[in-house]
Amino acid sequence: MNLAQIESEILSLPEEDRAKLAQKLLLSLEEPTNEEFDRIWGEESARRIAEFDAGHVQAISGEVVAARARALLK
């Protein structure tokens, strides 16, 4: 079986199964060093702040996020 066949089969799976597989695949990759982790999240933080400052995204309160998370778990 080649990569294209595997990809086709994976994409035909239900969303929940694809998400579980994606998580396993990501966890199977080499973990970044602390320095790499700090750099990656620093870059991501800067990107998110820039998007917020530019008005491309809106803040959502912690209460709203928690309520939505609870609703998804029901």
PDB file of N, CA and C in Angstrom:
ATOM      1  N   MET A   1       0.859  -1.171   0.000  1.00  0.00           N
ATOM      2  CA  MET A   1       0.000   0.000   0.000  1.00  0.00           C
ATOM      3  C   MET A   1       0.908   1.237   0.000  1.00  0.00           C
ATOM      4  N   ASN A   2       0.606   2.208  -0.842  1.00  0.00           N
ATOM      5  CA  ASN A   2       1.428   3.417  -0.896  1.00  0.00           C
ATOM      6  C   ASN A   2       0.783   4.556  -0.113  1.00  0.00           C
ATOM      7  N   LEU A   3       1.487   5.650  -0.022  1.00  0.00           N
ATOM      8  CA  LEU A   3       1.030   6.783   0.778  1.00  0.00           C
ATOM      9  C   LEU A   3      -0.306   7.330   0.275  1.00  0.00           C
ATOM     10  N   ALA A   4      -0.488   7.414  -1.024  1.00  0.00           N
ATOM     11  CA  ALA A   4      -1.739   7.930  -1.582  1.00  0.00           C
ATOM     12  C   ALA A   4      -2.924   7.051  -1.188  1.00  0.00           C
ATOM     13  N   GLN A   5      -2.726   5.737  -1.187  1.00  0.00           N
ATOM     14  CA  GLN A   5      -3.787   4.815  -0.792  1.00  0.00           C
ATOM     15  C   GLN A   5      -4.111   4.958   0.691  1.00  0.00           C
ATOM     16  N   ILE A   6      -3.075   5.071   1.504  1.00  0.00           N
ATOM     17  CA  ILE A   6      -3.277   5.236   2.943  1.00  0.00           C
ATOM     18  C   ILE A   6      -4.023   6.539   3.210  1.00  0.00           C
ATOM     19  N   GLU A   7      -3.585   7.597   2.542  1.00  0.00           N
ATOM     20  CA  GLU A   7      -4.238   8.899   2.719  1.00  0.00           C
ATOM     21  C   GLU A   7      -5.708   8.831   2.326  1.00  0.00           C
ATOM     22  N   SER A   8      -5.999   8.186   1.219  1.00  0.00           N
ATOM     23  CA  SER A   8      -7.386   8.057   0.758  1.00  0.00           C
ATOM     24  C   SER A   8      -8.236   7.321   1.788  1.00  0.00           C
ATOM     25  N   GLU A   9      -7.698   6.238   2.333  1.00  0.00           N
ATOM     26  CA  GLU A   9      -8.440   5.475   3.339  1.00  0.00           C
ATOM     27  C   GLU A   9      -8.656   6.290   4.607  1.00  0.00           C
ATOM     28  N   ILE A  10      -7.620   6.994   5.027  1.00  0.00           N
ATOM     29  CA  ILE A  10      -7.731   7.798   6.245  1.00  0.00           C
ATOM     30  C   ILE A  10      -8.785   8.880   6.076  1.00  0.00           C
ATOM     31  N   LEU A  11      -8.779   9.556   4.928  1.00  0.00           N
ATOM     32  CA  LEU A  11      -9.728  10.637   4.706  1.00  0.00           C
ATOM     33  C   LEU A  11     -11.167  10.147   4.597  1.00  0.00           C
ATOM     34  N   SER A  12     -11.351   8.846   4.386  1.00  0.00           N
ATOM     35  CA  SER A  12     -12.707   8.299   4.330  1.00  0.00           C
ATOM     36  C   SER A  12     -13.236   7.908   5.713  1.00  0.00           C
ATOM     37  N   LEU A  13     -12.370   7.964   6.718  1.00  0.00           N
ATOM     38  CA  LEU A  13     -12.791   7.637   8.081  1.00  0.00           C
ATOM     39  C   LEU A  13     -13.693   8.728   8.647  1.00  0.00           C
ATOM     40  N   PRO A  14     -14.519   8.386   9.637  1.00  0.00           N
ATOM     41  CA  PRO A  14     -15.315   9.409  10.320  1.00  0.00           C
ATOM     42  C   PRO A  14     -14.386  10.430  10.994  1.00  0.00           C
ATOM     43  N   GLU A  15     -14.884  11.638  11.169  1.00  0.00           N
ATOM     44  CA  GLU A  15     -14.084  12.733  11.725  1.00  0.00           C
ATOM     45  C   GLU A  15     -13.441  12.370  13.057  1.00  0.00           C
ATOM     46  N   GLU A  16     -14.183  11.738  13.938  1.00  0.00           N
ATOM     47  CA  GLU A  16     -13.645  11.386  15.260  1.00  0.00           C
ATOM     48  C   GLU A  16     -12.450  10.441  15.140  1.00  0.00           C
ATOM     49  N   ASP A  17     -12.551   9.457  14.255  1.00  0.00           N
ATOM     50  CA  ASP A  17     -11.445   8.521  14.053  1.00  0.00           C
ATOM     51  C   ASP A  17     -10.232   9.224  13.451  1.00  0.00           C
ATOM     52  N   ARG A  18     -10.475  10.149  12.502  1.00  0.00           N
ATOM     53  CA  ARG A  18      -9.360  10.903  11.916  1.00  0.00           C
ATOM     54  C   ARG A  18      -8.669  11.746  12.972  1.00  0.00           C
ATOM     55  N   ALA A  19      -9.461  12.340  13.869  1.00  0.00           N
ATOM     56  CA  ALA A  19      -8.881  13.168  14.930  1.00  0.00           C
ATOM     57  C   ALA A  19      -8.013  12.321  15.864  1.00  0.00           C
ATOM     58  N   LYS A  20      -8.496  11.137  16.225  1.00  0.00           N
ATOM     59  CA  LYS A  20      -7.714  10.250  17.094  1.00  0.00           C
ATOM     60  C   LYS A  20      -6.409   9.842  16.412  1.00  0.00           C
ATOM     61  N   LEU A  21      -6.499   9.511  15.132  1.00  0.00           N
ATOM     62  CA  LEU A  21      -5.312   9.122  14.382  1.00  0.00           C
ATOM     63  C   LEU A  21      -4.336  10.287  14.263  1.00  0.00           C
ATOM     64  N   ALA A  22      -4.861  11.460  14.000  1.00  0.00           N
ATOM     65  CA  ALA A  22      -3.996  12.641  13.889  1.00  0.00           C
ATOM     66  C   ALA A  22      -3.252  12.876  15.198  1.00  0.00           C
ATOM     67  N   GLN A  23      -3.946  12.726  16.305  1.00  0.00           N
ATOM     68  CA  GLN A  23      -3.304  12.921  17.605  1.00  0.00           C
ATOM     69  C   GLN A  23      -2.186  11.895  17.810  1.00  0.00           C
ATOM     70  N   LYS A  24      -2.453  10.644  17.479  1.00  0.00           N
ATOM     71  CA  LYS A  24      -1.424   9.607  17.631  1.00  0.00           C
ATOM     72  C   LYS A  24      -0.222   9.890  16.741  1.00  0.00           C
ATOM     73  N   LEU A  25      -0.487  10.330  15.514  1.00  0.00           N
ATOM     74  CA  LEU A  25       0.611  10.635  14.598  1.00  0.00           C
ATOM     75  C   LEU A  25       1.449  11.805  15.116  1.00  0.00           C
ATOM     76  N   LEU A  26       0.777  12.837  15.593  1.00  0.00           N
ATOM     77  CA  LEU A  26       1.512  13.988  16.122  1.00  0.00           C
ATOM     78  C   LEU A  26       2.348  13.600  17.333  1.00  0.00           C
ATOM     79  N   LEU A  27       1.786  12.770  18.197  1.00  0.00           N
ATOM     80  CA  LEU A  27       2.524  12.341  19.379  1.00  0.00           C
ATOM     81  C   LEU A  27       3.700  11.442  19.021  1.00  0.00           C
ATOM     82  N   SER A  28       3.620  10.802  17.865  1.00  0.00           N
ATOM     83  CA  SER A  28       4.695   9.904  17.466  1.00  0.00           C
ATOM     84  C   SER A  28       5.919  10.653  16.930  1.00  0.00           C
ATOM     85  N   LEU A  29       5.732  11.921  16.618  1.00  0.00           N
ATOM     86  CA  LEU A  29       6.853  12.708  16.111  1.00  0.00           C
ATOM     87  C   LEU A  29       7.792  13.064  17.251  1.00  0.00           C
ATOM     88  N   GLU A  30       9.008  13.342  16.907  1.00  0.00           N
ATOM     89  CA  GLU A  30       9.997  13.700  17.912  1.00  0.00           C
ATOM     90  C   GLU A  30       9.544  14.954  18.656  1.00  0.00           C
ATOM     91  N   GLU A  31       9.619  14.905  19.957  1.00  0.00           N
ATOM     92  CA  GLU A  31       9.225  16.055  20.761  1.00  0.00           C
ATOM     93  C   GLU A  31      10.265  17.155  20.652  1.00  0.00           C
ATOM     94  N   PRO A  32       9.812  18.401  20.591  1.00  0.00           N
ATOM     95  CA  PRO A  32      10.774  19.501  20.498  1.00  0.00           C
ATOM     96  C   PRO A  32      11.532  19.693  21.815  1.00  0.00           C
ATOM     97  N   THR A  33      12.713  20.262  21.710  1.00  0.00           N
ATOM     98  CA  THR A  33      13.456  20.610  22.918  1.00  0.00           C
ATOM     99  C   THR A  33      12.731  21.759  23.604  1.00  0.00           C
ATOM    100  N   ASN A  34      13.083  22.037  24.832  1.00  0.00           N
ATOM    101  CA  ASN A  34      12.470  23.160  25.548  1.00  0.00           C
ATOM    102  C   ASN A  34      12.686  24.463  24.794  1.00  0.00           C
ATOM    103  N   GLU A  35      13.870  24.629  24.219  1.00  0.00           N
ATOM    104  CA  GLU A  35      14.163  25.848  23.470  1.00  0.00           C
ATOM    105  C   GLU A  35      13.281  25.955  22.233  1.00  0.00           C
ATOM    106  N   GLU A  36      13.115  24.827  21.525  1.00  0.00           N
ATOM    107  CA  GLU A  36      12.258  24.825  20.338  1.00  0.00           C
ATOM    108  C   GLU A  36      10.803  25.092  20.722  1.00  0.00           C
ATOM    109  N   PHE A  37      10.372  24.466  21.806  1.00  0.00           N
ATOM    110  CA  PHE A  37       9.013  24.654  22.288  1.00  0.00           C
ATOM    111  C   PHE A  37       8.772  26.120  22.617  1.00  0.00           C
ATOM    112  N   ASP A  38       9.704  26.739  23.343  1.00  0.00           N
ATOM    113  CA  ASP A  38       9.569  28.154  23.692  1.00  0.00           C
ATOM    114  C   ASP A  38       9.539  29.029  22.440  1.00  0.00           C
ATOM    115  N   ARG A  39      10.394  28.723  21.463  1.00  0.00           N
ATOM    116  CA  ARG A  39      10.435  29.511  20.230  1.00  0.00           C
ATOM    117  C   ARG A  39       9.129  29.379  19.458  1.00  0.00           C
ATOM    118  N   ILE A  40       8.651  28.139  19.318  1.00  0.00           N
ATOM    119  CA  ILE A  40       7.418  27.887  18.558  1.00  0.00           C
ATOM    120  C   ILE A  40       6.242  28.613  19.195  1.00  0.00           C
ATOM    121  N   TRP A  41       6.082  28.489  20.515  1.00  0.00           N
ATOM    122  CA  TRP A  41       4.960  29.138  21.178  1.00  0.00           C
ATOM    123  C   TRP A  41       5.135  30.644  21.237  1.00  0.00           C
ATOM    124  N   GLY A  42       6.380  31.109  21.285  1.00  0.00           N
ATOM    125  CA  GLY A  42       6.612  32.549  21.215  1.00  0.00           C
ATOM    126  C   GLY A  42       6.151  33.111  19.883  1.00  0.00           C
ATOM    127  N   GLU A  43       6.476  32.401  18.805  1.00  0.00           N
ATOM    128  CA  GLU A  43       6.040  32.816  17.470  1.00  0.00           C
ATOM    129  C   GLU A  43       4.523  32.767  17.353  1.00  0.00           C
ATOM    130  N   GLU A  44       3.923  31.704  17.871  1.00  0.00           N
ATOM    131  CA  GLU A  44       2.470  31.571  17.813  1.00  0.00           C
ATOM    132  C   GLU A  44       1.790  32.672  18.633  1.00  0.00           C
ATOM    133  N   SER A  45       2.325  32.970  19.791  1.00  0.00           N
ATOM    134  CA  SER A  45       1.769  34.042  20.624  1.00  0.00           C
ATOM    135  C   SER A  45       1.836  35.379  19.897  1.00  0.00           C
ATOM    136  N   ALA A  46       2.985  35.656  19.286  1.00  0.00           N
ATOM    137  CA  ALA A  46       3.150  36.916  18.554  1.00  0.00           C
ATOM    138  C   ALA A  46       2.162  36.990  17.394  1.00  0.00           C
ATOM    139  N   ARG A  47       1.963  35.874  16.697  1.00  0.00           N
ATOM    140  CA  ARG A  47       1.014  35.847  15.580  1.00  0.00           C
ATOM    141  C   ARG A  47      -0.405  36.120  16.057  1.00  0.00           C
ATOM    142  N   ARG A  48      -0.779  35.486  17.168  1.00  0.00           N
ATOM    143  CA  ARG A  48      -2.141  35.670  17.699  1.00  0.00           C
ATOM    144  C   ARG A  48      -2.351  37.103  18.183  1.00  0.00           C
ATOM    145  N   ILE A  49      -1.367  37.670  18.832  1.00  0.00           N
ATOM    146  CA  ILE A  49      -1.473  39.056  19.302  1.00  0.00           C
ATOM    147  C   ILE A  49      -1.614  40.000  18.113  1.00  0.00           C
ATOM    148  N   ALA A  50      -0.820  39.772  17.070  1.00  0.00           N
ATOM    149  CA  ALA A  50      -0.890  40.622  15.876  1.00  0.00           C
ATOM    150  C   ALA A  50      -2.271  40.523  15.225  1.00  0.00           C
ATOM    151  N   GLU A  51      -2.836  39.320  15.152  1.00  0.00           N
ATOM    152  CA  GLU A  51      -4.178  39.153  14.584  1.00  0.00           C
ATOM    153  C   GLU A  51      -5.212  39.895  15.422  1.00  0.00           C
ATOM    154  N   PHE A  52      -5.088  39.807  16.736  1.00  0.00           N
ATOM    155  CA  PHE A  52      -6.027  40.500  17.620  1.00  0.00           C
ATOM    156  C   PHE A  52      -5.885  42.006  17.475  1.00  0.00           C
ATOM    157  N   ASP A  53      -4.645  42.492  17.512  1.00  0.00           N
ATOM    158  CA  ASP A  53      -4.395  43.933  17.399  1.00  0.00           C
ATOM    159  C   ASP A  53      -4.884  44.492  16.070  1.00  0.00           C
ATOM    160  N   ALA A  54      -4.811  43.682  15.017  1.00  0.00           N
ATOM    161  CA  ALA A  54      -5.248  44.129  13.695  1.00  0.00           C
ATOM    162  C   ALA A  54      -6.769  44.027  13.526  1.00  0.00           C
ATOM    163  N   GLY A  55      -7.444  43.458  14.518  1.00  0.00           N
ATOM    164  CA  GLY A  55      -8.900  43.332  14.451  1.00  0.00           C
ATOM    165  C   GLY A  55      -9.388  42.156  13.624  1.00  0.00           C
ATOM    166  N   HIS A  56      -8.498  41.227  13.317  1.00  0.00           N
ATOM    167  CA  HIS A  56      -8.882  40.058  12.519  1.00  0.00           C
ATOM    168  C   HIS A  56      -9.598  39.001  13.355  1.00  0.00           C
ATOM    169  N   VAL A  57      -9.404  39.026  14.656  1.00  0.00           N
ATOM    170  CA  VAL A  57     -10.067  38.084  15.561  1.00  0.00           C
ATOM    171  C   VAL A  57     -10.589  38.850  16.766  1.00  0.00           C
ATOM    172  N   GLN A  58     -11.563  38.276  17.424  1.00  0.00           N
ATOM    173  CA  GLN A  58     -12.126  38.886  18.619  1.00  0.00           C
ATOM    174  C   GLN A  58     -11.853  37.999  19.824  1.00  0.00           C
ATOM    175  N   ALA A  59     -11.687  38.632  20.960  1.00  0.00           N
ATOM    176  CA  ALA A  59     -11.491  37.888  22.205  1.00  0.00           C
ATOM    177  C   ALA A  59     -12.820  37.263  22.640  1.00  0.00           C
ATOM    178  N   ILE A  60     -12.720  36.116  23.274  1.00  0.00           N
ATOM    179  CA  ILE A  60     -13.890  35.442  23.837  1.00  0.00           C
ATOM    180  C   ILE A  60     -13.600  35.251  25.318  1.00  0.00           C
ATOM    181  N   SER A  61     -14.552  35.593  26.155  1.00  0.00           N
ATOM    182  CA  SER A  61     -14.328  35.491  27.600  1.00  0.00           C
ATOM    183  C   SER A  61     -14.146  34.041  28.020  1.00  0.00           C
ATOM    184  N   GLY A  62     -13.442  33.862  29.123  1.00  0.00           N
ATOM    185  CA  GLY A  62     -13.224  32.527  29.660  1.00  0.00           C
ATOM    186  C   GLY A  62     -14.530  31.834  30.007  1.00  0.00           C
ATOM    187  N   GLU A  63     -15.508  32.616  30.472  1.00  0.00           N
ATOM    188  CA  GLU A  63     -16.806  32.036  30.823  1.00  0.00           C
ATOM    189  C   GLU A  63     -17.496  31.453  29.593  1.00  0.00           C
ATOM    190  N   VAL A  64     -17.415  32.174  28.466  1.00  0.00           N
ATOM    191  CA  VAL A  64     -18.040  31.698  27.241  1.00  0.00           C
ATOM    192  C   VAL A  64     -17.329  30.438  26.742  1.00  0.00           C
ATOM    193  N   VAL A  65     -16.004  30.447  26.787  1.00  0.00           N
ATOM    194  CA  VAL A  65     -15.236  29.273  26.352  1.00  0.00           C
ATOM    195  C   VAL A  65     -15.591  28.063  27.212  1.00  0.00           C
ATOM    196  N   ALA A  66     -15.643  28.253  28.520  1.00  0.00           N
ATOM    197  CA  ALA A  66     -15.977  27.151  29.426  1.00  0.00           C
ATOM    198  C   ALA A  66     -17.377  26.623  29.172  1.00  0.00           C
ATOM    199  N   ALA A  67     -18.326  27.530  28.941  1.00  0.00           N
ATOM    200  CA  ALA A  67     -19.702  27.112  28.670  1.00  0.00           C
ATOM    201  C   ALA A  67     -19.773  26.310  27.379  1.00  0.00           C
ATOM    202  N   ARG A  68     -19.070  26.765  26.351  1.00  0.00           N
ATOM    203  CA  ARG A  68     -19.074  26.035  25.077  1.00  0.00           C
ATOM    204  C   ARG A  68     -18.421  24.657  25.241  1.00  0.00           C
ATOM    205  N   ALA A  69     -17.347  24.593  26.003  1.00  0.00           N
ATOM    206  CA  ALA A  69     -16.681  23.309  26.230  1.00  0.00           C
ATOM    207  C   ALA A  69     -17.595  22.347  26.968  1.00  0.00           C
ATOM    208  N   ARG A  70     -18.274  22.849  27.992  1.00  0.00           N
ATOM    209  CA  ARG A  70     -19.217  22.002  28.731  1.00  0.00           C
ATOM    210  C   ARG A  70     -20.325  21.501  27.830  1.00  0.00           C
ATOM    211  N   ALA A  71     -20.826  22.365  26.937  1.00  0.00           N
ATOM    212  CA  ALA A  71     -21.904  21.968  26.020  1.00  0.00           C
ATOM    213  C   ALA A  71     -21.425  20.883  25.073  1.00  0.00           C
ATOM    214  N   LEU A  72     -20.166  20.964  24.630  1.00  0.00           N
ATOM    215  CA  LEU A  72     -19.632  19.945  23.733  1.00  0.00           C
ATOM    216  C   LEU A  72     -19.467  18.598  24.413  1.00  0.00           C
ATOM    217  N   LEU A  73     -19.250  18.615  25.719  1.00  0.00           N
ATOM    218  CA  LEU A  73     -19.035  17.380  26.472  1.00  0.00           C
ATOM    219  C   LEU A  73     -20.344  16.676  26.828  1.00  0.00           C
ATOM    220  N   LYS A  74     -21.447  17.355  26.639  1.00  0.00           N
ATOM    221  CA  LYS A  74     -22.753  16.745  26.974  1.00  0.00           C
ATOM    222  C   LYS A  74     -23.192  15.799  25.919  1.00  0.00           C
TER     223      LYS A  74
END
